[in-house]
Amino acid sequence: MMATTRKTPTLYKGIVSSKSGDKTIRVVLDYLAKHPKYGKMLKRRSVAHVHDEGNQAGVGDTVEICKCRKLSKSKSWRLVRILGSV
């Protein structure tokens, strides 16, 4: 019988923009996207609601997050670690 192996989750880096509630933070994920017609690189951003179990992250911290199962209506990310704090 073969042992099943799990795929390692993709990690994303972002900056905490707000600490909205208990165990919840909002992280801004910045990325570059190419314009479909002209090819210019454009700055884009996504916002993720992240589960912070220990209430460790503060506003302005650089964090590493990954996808997880749905935890609430808007939370489907979890905090992996804090890379740097302000």
C-alpha atoms as a PDB file:
ATOM      1  CA  MET A   1       0.000   0.000   0.000  1.00  0.00           C
ATOM      2  CA  MET A   2       1.382   3.410  -0.968  1.00  0.00           C
ATOM      3  CA  ALA A   3       1.529   6.307   1.444  1.00  0.00           C
ATOM      4  CA  THR A   4      -0.341   9.374   0.246  1.00  0.00           C
ATOM      5  CA  THR A   5       1.665  12.556   0.017  1.00  0.00           C
ATOM      6  CA  ARG A   6       0.244  16.023   0.409  1.00  0.00           C
ATOM      7  CA  LYS A   7       1.017  18.814  -1.973  1.00  0.00           C
ATOM      8  CA  THR A   8       2.865  21.673  -0.268  1.00  0.00           C
ATOM      9  CA  PRO A   9       0.671  24.780  -0.103  1.00  0.00           C
ATOM     10  CA  THR A  10       1.552  27.894  -2.090  1.00  0.00           C
ATOM     11  CA  LEU A  11       2.714  30.697   0.191  1.00  0.00           C
ATOM     12  CA  TYR A  12       1.952  34.365  -0.467  1.00  0.00           C
ATOM     13  CA  LYS A  13       3.594  37.461   1.051  1.00  0.00           C
ATOM     14  CA  GLY A  14       1.574  40.542   1.929  1.00  0.00           C
ATOM     15  CA  ILE A  15       1.241  43.498   4.280  1.00  0.00           C
ATOM     16  CA  VAL A  16      -1.350  43.684   7.068  1.00  0.00           C
ATOM     17  CA  SER A  17      -3.685  46.605   6.349  1.00  0.00           C
ATOM     18  CA  SER A  18      -6.082  46.262   9.299  1.00  0.00           C
ATOM     19  CA  LYS A  19      -6.856  44.204  12.382  1.00  0.00           C
ATOM     20  CA  SER A  20     -10.610  44.049  12.041  1.00  0.00           C
ATOM     21  CA  GLY A  21     -11.800  41.605  14.690  1.00  0.00           C
ATOM     22  CA  ASP A  22     -10.683  38.904  17.076  1.00  0.00           C
ATOM     23  CA  LYS A  23      -8.307  36.472  15.286  1.00  0.00           C
ATOM     24  CA  THR A  24      -8.825  38.209  11.913  1.00  0.00           C
ATOM     25  CA  ILE A  25      -6.500  40.410   9.877  1.00  0.00           C
ATOM     26  CA  ARG A  26      -6.745  41.928   6.392  1.00  0.00           C
ATOM     27  CA  VAL A  27      -3.719  41.399   4.164  1.00  0.00           C
ATOM     28  CA  VAL A  28      -3.024  43.301   0.931  1.00  0.00           C
ATOM     29  CA  LEU A  29      -1.362  41.218  -1.790  1.00  0.00           C
ATOM     30  CA  ASP A  30       0.357  43.359  -4.455  1.00  0.00           C
ATOM     31  CA  TYR A  31       1.212  41.911  -7.869  1.00  0.00           C
ATOM     32  CA  LEU A  32       1.996  42.994 -11.424  1.00  0.00           C
ATOM     33  CA  ALA A  33      -0.263  42.149 -14.374  1.00  0.00           C
ATOM     34  CA  LYS A  34       0.380  42.706 -18.049  1.00  0.00           C
ATOM     35  CA  HIS A  35      -2.105  44.812 -20.007  1.00  0.00           C
ATOM     36  CA  PRO A  36      -3.742  42.509 -22.588  1.00  0.00           C
ATOM     37  CA  LYS A  37      -3.386  44.845 -25.574  1.00  0.00           C
ATOM     38  CA  TYR A  38      -0.474  47.186 -24.855  1.00  0.00           C
ATOM     39  CA  GLY A  39       1.741  44.947 -22.719  1.00  0.00           C
ATOM     40  CA  LYS A  40       2.447  47.542 -20.027  1.00  0.00           C
ATOM     41  CA  MET A  41       2.942  46.121 -16.538  1.00  0.00           C
ATOM     42  CA  LEU A  42       0.225  47.399 -14.189  1.00  0.00           C
ATOM     43  CA  LYS A  43       0.168  47.311 -10.387  1.00  0.00           C
ATOM     44  CA  ARG A  44      -2.783  45.346  -9.018  1.00  0.00           C
ATOM     45  CA  ARG A  45      -3.764  44.310  -5.516  1.00  0.00           C
ATOM     46  CA  SER A  46      -5.989  41.761  -3.832  1.00  0.00           C
ATOM     47  CA  VAL A  47      -7.280  41.774  -0.276  1.00  0.00           C
ATOM     48  CA  ALA A  48      -7.443  38.577   1.792  1.00  0.00           C
ATOM     49  CA  HIS A  49      -9.139  38.091   5.150  1.00  0.00           C
ATOM     50  CA  VAL A  50      -6.721  35.926   7.137  1.00  0.00           C
ATOM     51  CA  HIS A  51      -7.154  33.801  10.271  1.00  0.00           C
ATOM     52  CA  ASP A  52      -4.609  34.831  12.941  1.00  0.00           C
ATOM     53  CA  GLU A  53      -5.021  32.303  15.761  1.00  0.00           C
ATOM     54  CA  GLY A  54      -2.769  34.043  18.306  1.00  0.00           C
ATOM     55  CA  ASN A  55      -3.579  37.681  17.450  1.00  0.00           C
ATOM     56  CA  GLN A  56       0.168  38.151  16.823  1.00  0.00           C
ATOM     57  CA  ALA A  57       0.236  40.301  13.657  1.00  0.00           C
ATOM     58  CA  GLY A  58      -0.142  44.069  13.755  1.00  0.00           C
ATOM     59  CA  VAL A  59      -0.909  46.706  11.134  1.00  0.00           C
ATOM     60  CA  GLY A  60       2.053  47.199   8.786  1.00  0.00           C
ATOM     61  CA  ASP A  61       3.637  43.781   9.414  1.00  0.00           C
ATOM     62  CA  THR A  62       4.863  41.715   6.480  1.00  0.00           C
ATOM     63  CA  VAL A  63       3.310  38.243   6.726  1.00  0.00           C
ATOM     64  CA  GLU A  64       3.273  34.931   4.889  1.00  0.00           C
ATOM     65  CA  ILE A  65      -0.149  33.351   4.305  1.00  0.00           C
ATOM     66  CA  CYS A  66      -1.567  30.265   2.596  1.00  0.00           C
ATOM     67  CA  LYS A  67      -4.978  29.032   1.491  1.00  0.00           C
ATOM     68  CA  CYS A  68      -6.961  26.724   3.752  1.00  0.00           C
ATOM     69  CA  ARG A  69     -10.498  25.441   4.092  1.00  0.00           C
ATOM     70  CA  LYS A  70     -13.308  27.989   4.448  1.00  0.00           C
ATOM     71  CA  LEU A  71     -13.364  29.259   8.049  1.00  0.00           C
ATOM     72  CA  SER A  72     -16.170  31.798   7.697  1.00  0.00           C
ATOM     73  CA  LYS A  73     -18.031  33.685   4.986  1.00  0.00           C
ATOM     74  CA  SER A  74     -14.955  35.695   3.969  1.00  0.00           C
ATOM     75  CA  LYS A  75     -11.993  33.882   5.583  1.00  0.00           C
ATOM     76  CA  SER A  76     -10.259  31.133   3.608  1.00  0.00           C
ATOM     77  CA  TRP A  77      -6.623  32.017   4.381  1.00  0.00           C
ATOM     78  CA  ARG A  78      -4.454  31.369   7.430  1.00  0.00           C
ATOM     79  CA  LEU A  79      -1.347  33.037   8.793  1.00  0.00           C
ATOM     80  CA  VAL A  80       1.826  30.947   8.409  1.00  0.00           C
ATOM     81  CA  ARG A  81       4.381  33.318   9.956  1.00  0.00           C
ATOM     82  CA  ILE A  82       5.320  36.953  10.467  1.00  0.00           C
ATOM     83  CA  LEU A  83       8.308  37.935   8.323  1.00  0.00           C
ATOM     84  CA  GLY A  84       8.872  41.448   9.651  1.00  0.00           C
ATOM     85  CA  SER A  85       7.143  43.882  11.960  1.00  0.00           C
ATOM     86  CA  VAL A  86       6.961  47.642  12.093  1.00  0.00           C
END
